[in-house]
Amino acid sequence: MKIPKNVSSGGVHEDPHQPMAYKALLNYIEECVIDLSHEFPAASIILAGDLNQLADGDVMDATGLLQIVRKPTRGMNLLDRVFVSHPIFRSVRVVTSAVRSDHKAIVAYAEQ
């Protein structure tokens, strides 16, 4: 699998203590993905982060991105997620974080 030369990546942390309006955050993410797609049409897009309230289906419907994390990242909850515009990763693992956190880390490999 060849890794694309052009990659646009972004991170989101939805603070559960100061939640942004659901629709406003979803619209903002959608606008960012549209802008990146127009500005860099050949680039793969990666969006990762702690999305406490946003549903995968809503993000995927708004952006066309695919969610690739399949295992819980905090207790039994899948809060930390990675969305991609193209399937560029061969392996996605959820592992114990190397830093002090109650969230697990996500490690994605483009090669075996």
N, C-alpha and C. Protein backbone atom coordinates (compact mmCIF):
# COMPACT_ATOMS: atom_id res chain seq x y z
N MET A 1 0.85 -1.17 0.00
CA MET A 1 0.00 0.00 0.00
C MET A 1 0.90 1.24 0.00
N LYS A 2 0.64 2.12 -0.91
CA LYS A 2 1.43 3.33 -1.01
C LYS A 2 0.80 4.44 -0.16
N ILE A 3 1.63 5.11 0.60
CA ILE A 3 1.16 6.22 1.43
C ILE A 3 1.04 7.45 0.54
N PRO A 4 -0.08 8.15 0.58
CA PRO A 4 -0.23 9.34 -0.24
C PRO A 4 0.78 10.42 0.14
N LYS A 5 1.21 11.17 -0.86
CA LYS A 5 2.17 12.26 -0.60
C LYS A 5 1.50 13.44 0.08
N ASN A 6 0.26 13.67 -0.25
CA ASN A 6 -0.45 14.82 0.31
C ASN A 6 -1.47 14.36 1.34
N VAL A 7 -1.27 14.80 2.56
CA VAL A 7 -2.18 14.45 3.64
C VAL A 7 -2.52 15.72 4.41
N SER A 8 -3.79 15.94 4.63
CA SER A 8 -4.25 17.02 5.50
C SER A 8 -4.81 16.36 6.74
N SER A 9 -4.32 16.78 7.90
CA SER A 9 -4.81 16.18 9.14
C SER A 9 -5.27 17.26 10.10
N GLY A 10 -6.21 16.87 10.92
CA GLY A 10 -6.73 17.80 11.91
C GLY A 10 -7.14 17.05 13.16
N GLY A 11 -7.17 17.77 14.26
CA GLY A 11 -7.57 17.18 15.53
C GLY A 11 -8.71 17.95 16.15
N VAL A 12 -9.58 17.22 16.85
CA VAL A 12 -10.73 17.82 17.50
C VAL A 12 -10.82 17.27 18.92
N HIS A 13 -11.04 18.16 19.86
CA HIS A 13 -11.35 17.72 21.22
C HIS A 13 -12.64 18.40 21.63
N GLU A 14 -13.67 17.61 21.78
CA GLU A 14 -14.95 18.13 22.21
C GLU A 14 -15.00 18.05 23.73
N ASP A 15 -14.86 19.19 24.38
CA ASP A 15 -14.82 19.25 25.83
C ASP A 15 -16.20 18.96 26.41
N PRO A 16 -16.34 17.86 27.17
CA PRO A 16 -17.66 17.51 27.70
C PRO A 16 -18.15 18.50 28.76
N HIS A 17 -17.24 19.30 29.33
CA HIS A 17 -17.62 20.26 30.37
C HIS A 17 -18.06 21.60 29.77
N GLN A 18 -17.68 21.86 28.54
CA GLN A 18 -18.11 23.07 27.84
C GLN A 18 -18.52 22.68 26.43
N PRO A 19 -19.60 21.94 26.32
CA PRO A 19 -19.97 21.43 25.00
C PRO A 19 -20.38 22.55 24.04
N MET A 20 -19.87 22.44 22.83
CA MET A 20 -20.28 23.33 21.76
C MET A 20 -21.61 22.78 21.23
N ALA A 21 -22.41 23.61 20.70
CA ALA A 21 -23.67 23.14 20.14
C ALA A 21 -23.37 22.05 19.11
N TYR A 22 -24.07 20.93 19.22
CA TYR A 22 -23.84 19.76 18.38
C TYR A 22 -23.81 20.11 16.90
N LYS A 23 -24.85 20.78 16.45
CA LYS A 23 -24.97 21.11 15.02
C LYS A 23 -23.88 22.09 14.59
N ALA A 24 -23.53 23.03 15.46
CA ALA A 24 -22.50 24.01 15.11
C ALA A 24 -21.14 23.32 14.92
N LEU A 25 -20.82 22.39 15.81
CA LEU A 25 -19.55 21.67 15.69
C LEU A 25 -19.55 20.79 14.44
N LEU A 26 -20.64 20.11 14.19
CA LEU A 26 -20.74 19.26 13.01
C LEU A 26 -20.62 20.11 11.73
N ASN A 27 -21.28 21.26 11.70
CA ASN A 27 -21.19 22.16 10.55
C ASN A 27 -19.76 22.67 10.35
N TYR A 28 -19.09 22.99 11.44
CA TYR A 28 -17.71 23.48 11.35
C TYR A 28 -16.79 22.41 10.76
N ILE A 29 -16.93 21.18 11.23
CA ILE A 29 -16.12 20.07 10.70
C ILE A 29 -16.42 19.87 9.22
N GLU A 30 -17.70 19.91 8.87
CA GLU A 30 -18.10 19.74 7.46
C GLU A 30 -17.48 20.84 6.59
N GLU A 31 -17.54 22.09 7.04
CA GLU A 31 -16.97 23.20 6.28
C GLU A 31 -15.46 23.05 6.11
N CYS A 32 -14.78 22.60 7.15
CA CYS A 32 -13.32 22.41 7.07
C CYS A 32 -12.97 21.33 6.05
N VAL A 33 -13.71 20.23 6.06
CA VAL A 33 -13.45 19.14 5.10
C VAL A 33 -13.73 19.61 3.68
N ILE A 34 -14.81 20.35 3.47
CA ILE A 34 -15.13 20.88 2.14
C ILE A 34 -14.02 21.82 1.68
N ASP A 35 -13.57 22.73 2.55
CA ASP A 35 -12.50 23.66 2.19
C ASP A 35 -11.21 22.92 1.83
N LEU A 36 -10.84 21.93 2.63
CA LEU A 36 -9.62 21.16 2.34
C LEU A 36 -9.75 20.40 1.02
N SER A 37 -10.91 19.84 0.78
CA SER A 37 -11.13 19.08 -0.46
C SER A 37 -11.02 19.97 -1.69
N HIS A 38 -11.49 21.21 -1.58
CA HIS A 38 -11.39 22.14 -2.70
C HIS A 38 -9.97 22.68 -2.87
N GLU A 39 -9.34 23.01 -1.76
CA GLU A 39 -7.99 23.58 -1.81
C GLU A 39 -6.93 22.55 -2.19
N PHE A 40 -7.09 21.31 -1.71
CA PHE A 40 -6.11 20.24 -1.94
C PHE A 40 -6.83 18.98 -2.42
N PRO A 41 -7.33 18.97 -3.65
CA PRO A 41 -8.16 17.86 -4.12
C PRO A 41 -7.48 16.50 -4.14
N ALA A 42 -6.15 16.47 -4.23
CA ALA A 42 -5.44 15.18 -4.26
C ALA A 42 -5.06 14.67 -2.88
N ALA A 43 -5.28 15.48 -1.85
CA ALA A 43 -4.85 15.12 -0.50
C ALA A 43 -5.82 14.16 0.17
N SER A 44 -5.27 13.26 0.96
CA SER A 44 -6.08 12.43 1.85
C SER A 44 -6.33 13.24 3.12
N ILE A 45 -7.50 13.11 3.68
CA ILE A 45 -7.85 13.86 4.89
C ILE A 45 -7.95 12.88 6.05
N ILE A 46 -7.33 13.27 7.17
CA ILE A 46 -7.40 12.50 8.41
C ILE A 46 -7.90 13.44 9.50
N LEU A 47 -8.98 13.07 10.16
CA LEU A 47 -9.53 13.84 11.27
C LEU A 47 -9.54 12.91 12.48
N ALA A 48 -8.87 13.31 13.54
CA ALA A 48 -8.79 12.46 14.73
C ALA A 48 -9.11 13.29 15.96
N GLY A 49 -9.64 12.63 16.96
CA GLY A 49 -9.86 13.35 18.20
C GLY A 49 -10.82 12.67 19.15
N ASP A 50 -11.05 13.37 20.23
CA ASP A 50 -11.94 12.96 21.30
C ASP A 50 -13.29 13.63 21.03
N LEU A 51 -14.19 12.87 20.42
CA LEU A 51 -15.49 13.39 20.04
C LEU A 51 -16.54 12.78 20.96
N ASN A 52 -16.74 13.42 22.08
CA ASN A 52 -17.60 12.87 23.12
C ASN A 52 -19.04 12.65 22.69
N GLN A 53 -19.64 13.61 22.03
CA GLN A 53 -21.07 13.54 21.72
C GLN A 53 -21.38 13.27 20.25
N LEU A 54 -20.48 13.63 19.35
CA LEU A 54 -20.78 13.49 17.93
C LEU A 54 -20.87 12.02 17.52
N ALA A 55 -21.94 11.68 16.85
CA ALA A 55 -22.15 10.32 16.39
C ALA A 55 -21.36 10.08 15.10
N ASP A 56 -20.78 8.89 14.98
CA ASP A 56 -20.01 8.55 13.79
C ASP A 56 -20.82 8.78 12.52
N GLY A 57 -22.06 8.31 12.53
CA GLY A 57 -22.91 8.44 11.34
C GLY A 57 -23.12 9.87 10.92
N ASP A 58 -23.27 10.77 11.89
CA ASP A 58 -23.47 12.19 11.56
C ASP A 58 -22.21 12.78 10.94
N VAL A 59 -21.04 12.45 11.50
CA VAL A 59 -19.78 12.95 10.94
C VAL A 59 -19.57 12.38 9.54
N MET A 60 -19.81 11.08 9.37
CA MET A 60 -19.60 10.44 8.07
C MET A 60 -20.58 11.00 7.03
N ASP A 61 -21.83 11.22 7.42
CA ASP A 61 -22.82 11.79 6.49
C ASP A 61 -22.44 13.21 6.08
N ALA A 62 -21.94 14.00 7.03
CA ALA A 62 -21.61 15.40 6.75
C ALA A 62 -20.33 15.57 5.94
N THR A 63 -19.39 14.63 6.10
CA THR A 63 -18.06 14.83 5.52
C THR A 63 -17.67 13.82 4.45
N GLY A 64 -18.30 12.65 4.47
CA GLY A 64 -17.89 11.59 3.56
C GLY A 64 -16.68 10.82 4.06
N LEU A 65 -16.19 11.17 5.26
CA LEU A 65 -15.05 10.47 5.83
C LEU A 65 -15.51 9.15 6.45
N LEU A 66 -14.58 8.19 6.56
CA LEU A 66 -14.86 6.88 7.15
C LEU A 66 -14.21 6.79 8.52
N GLN A 67 -14.92 6.25 9.51
CA GLN A 67 -14.39 6.08 10.87
C GLN A 67 -13.72 4.72 10.94
N ILE A 68 -12.44 4.67 11.39
CA ILE A 68 -11.67 3.42 11.31
C ILE A 68 -11.34 2.77 12.65
N VAL A 69 -11.71 3.38 13.77
CA VAL A 69 -11.44 2.80 15.09
C VAL A 69 -12.62 1.92 15.47
N ARG A 70 -12.35 0.69 15.90
CA ARG A 70 -13.43 -0.26 16.17
C ARG A 70 -13.50 -0.72 17.63
N LYS A 71 -12.52 -0.35 18.45
CA LYS A 71 -12.50 -0.82 19.84
C LYS A 71 -12.65 0.36 20.80
N PRO A 72 -13.18 0.12 21.99
CA PRO A 72 -13.34 1.20 22.98
C PRO A 72 -12.00 1.87 23.32
N THR A 73 -12.06 3.17 23.56
CA THR A 73 -10.86 3.93 23.89
C THR A 73 -10.89 4.51 25.30
N ARG A 74 -12.04 4.46 25.96
CA ARG A 74 -12.15 4.92 27.35
C ARG A 74 -13.21 4.06 28.03
N GLY A 75 -12.78 3.16 28.86
CA GLY A 75 -13.71 2.21 29.46
C GLY A 75 -14.36 1.39 28.36
N MET A 76 -15.66 1.34 28.35
CA MET A 76 -16.39 0.61 27.31
C MET A 76 -16.84 1.54 26.17
N ASN A 77 -16.41 2.80 26.21
CA ASN A 77 -16.86 3.80 25.22
C ASN A 77 -15.81 4.05 24.15
N LEU A 78 -16.29 4.27 22.94
CA LEU A 78 -15.40 4.61 21.83
C LEU A 78 -15.53 6.12 21.63
N LEU A 79 -14.72 6.88 22.39
CA LEU A 79 -14.78 8.34 22.34
C LEU A 79 -13.74 8.91 21.38
N ASP A 80 -12.58 8.28 21.32
CA ASP A 80 -11.48 8.76 20.49
C ASP A 80 -11.58 8.04 19.15
N ARG A 81 -11.65 8.84 18.09
CA ARG A 81 -11.91 8.25 16.79
C ARG A 81 -11.01 8.86 15.72
N VAL A 82 -10.87 8.13 14.63
CA VAL A 82 -10.09 8.59 13.48
C VAL A 82 -10.97 8.42 12.25
N PHE A 83 -11.14 9.50 11.51
CA PHE A 83 -11.90 9.49 10.27
C PHE A 83 -10.93 9.75 9.12
N VAL A 84 -11.10 9.05 8.02
CA VAL A 84 -10.22 9.20 6.86
C VAL A 84 -11.04 9.32 5.58
N SER A 85 -10.46 10.02 4.61
CA SER A 85 -11.14 10.16 3.31
C SER A 85 -10.87 8.97 2.41
N HIS A 86 -9.76 8.28 2.63
CA HIS A 86 -9.38 7.11 1.84
C HIS A 86 -8.80 6.07 2.80
N PRO A 87 -8.98 4.79 2.53
CA PRO A 87 -8.42 3.75 3.42
C PRO A 87 -6.91 3.63 3.25
N ILE A 88 -6.16 4.46 3.98
CA ILE A 88 -4.70 4.49 3.84
C ILE A 88 -3.98 3.68 4.92
N PHE A 89 -4.70 3.22 5.94
CA PHE A 89 -4.07 2.48 7.02
C PHE A 89 -4.38 1.00 6.92
N ARG A 90 -3.35 0.16 7.05
CA ARG A 90 -3.54 -1.30 7.04
C ARG A 90 -3.94 -1.82 8.41
N SER A 91 -3.46 -1.17 9.44
CA SER A 91 -3.68 -1.67 10.78
C SER A 91 -4.02 -0.50 11.70
N VAL A 92 -5.05 -0.69 12.51
CA VAL A 92 -5.44 0.31 13.51
C VAL A 92 -5.55 -0.42 14.83
N ARG A 93 -4.79 0.03 15.82
CA ARG A 93 -4.77 -0.62 17.13
C ARG A 93 -5.12 0.38 18.22
N VAL A 94 -5.81 -0.12 19.23
CA VAL A 94 -6.10 0.66 20.43
C VAL A 94 -5.24 0.04 21.52
N VAL A 95 -4.35 0.86 22.11
CA VAL A 95 -3.37 0.37 23.07
C VAL A 95 -3.36 1.24 24.32
N THR A 96 -2.77 0.72 25.39
CA THR A 96 -2.62 1.50 26.61
C THR A 96 -1.74 2.70 26.31
N SER A 97 -2.17 3.86 26.75
CA SER A 97 -1.45 5.09 26.48
C SER A 97 -0.11 5.12 27.21
N ALA A 98 0.89 5.72 26.57
CA ALA A 98 2.20 5.87 27.19
C ALA A 98 2.22 7.03 28.19
N VAL A 99 1.22 7.88 28.14
CA VAL A 99 1.11 8.99 29.09
C VAL A 99 -0.03 8.70 30.06
N ARG A 100 -0.04 9.38 31.16
CA ARG A 100 -1.08 9.18 32.17
C ARG A 100 -2.41 9.69 31.66
N SER A 101 -3.33 8.77 31.41
CA SER A 101 -4.64 9.12 30.86
C SER A 101 -5.61 7.97 31.10
N ASP A 102 -6.89 8.31 31.21
CA ASP A 102 -7.88 7.25 31.30
C ASP A 102 -8.40 6.87 29.90
N HIS A 103 -7.81 7.47 28.88
CA HIS A 103 -8.09 7.11 27.49
C HIS A 103 -6.97 6.22 26.98
N LYS A 104 -7.30 5.32 26.08
CA LYS A 104 -6.28 4.53 25.41
C LYS A 104 -5.79 5.30 24.19
N ALA A 105 -4.68 4.89 23.65
CA ALA A 105 -4.09 5.53 22.47
C ALA A 105 -4.49 4.75 21.22
N ILE A 106 -4.53 5.44 20.11
CA ILE A 106 -4.80 4.81 18.82
C ILE A 106 -3.53 4.88 18.01
N VAL A 107 -3.12 3.74 17.48
CA VAL A 107 -1.93 3.67 16.63
C VAL A 107 -2.39 3.10 15.29
N ALA A 108 -2.13 3.85 14.22
CA ALA A 108 -2.53 3.42 12.88
C ALA A 108 -1.27 3.28 12.03
N TYR A 109 -1.16 2.16 11.34
CA TYR A 109 0.00 1.88 10.49
C TYR A 109 -0.43 1.83 9.03
N ALA A 110 0.33 2.48 8.17
CA ALA A 110 0.08 2.40 6.75
C ALA A 110 0.72 1.15 6.14
N GLU A 111 1.74 0.64 6.78
CA GLU A 111 2.42 -0.59 6.33
C GLU A 111 2.39 -1.60 7.45
N GLN A 112 2.58 -2.89 7.11
CA GLN A 112 2.58 -3.92 8.14
C GLN A 112 3.78 -3.81 9.03
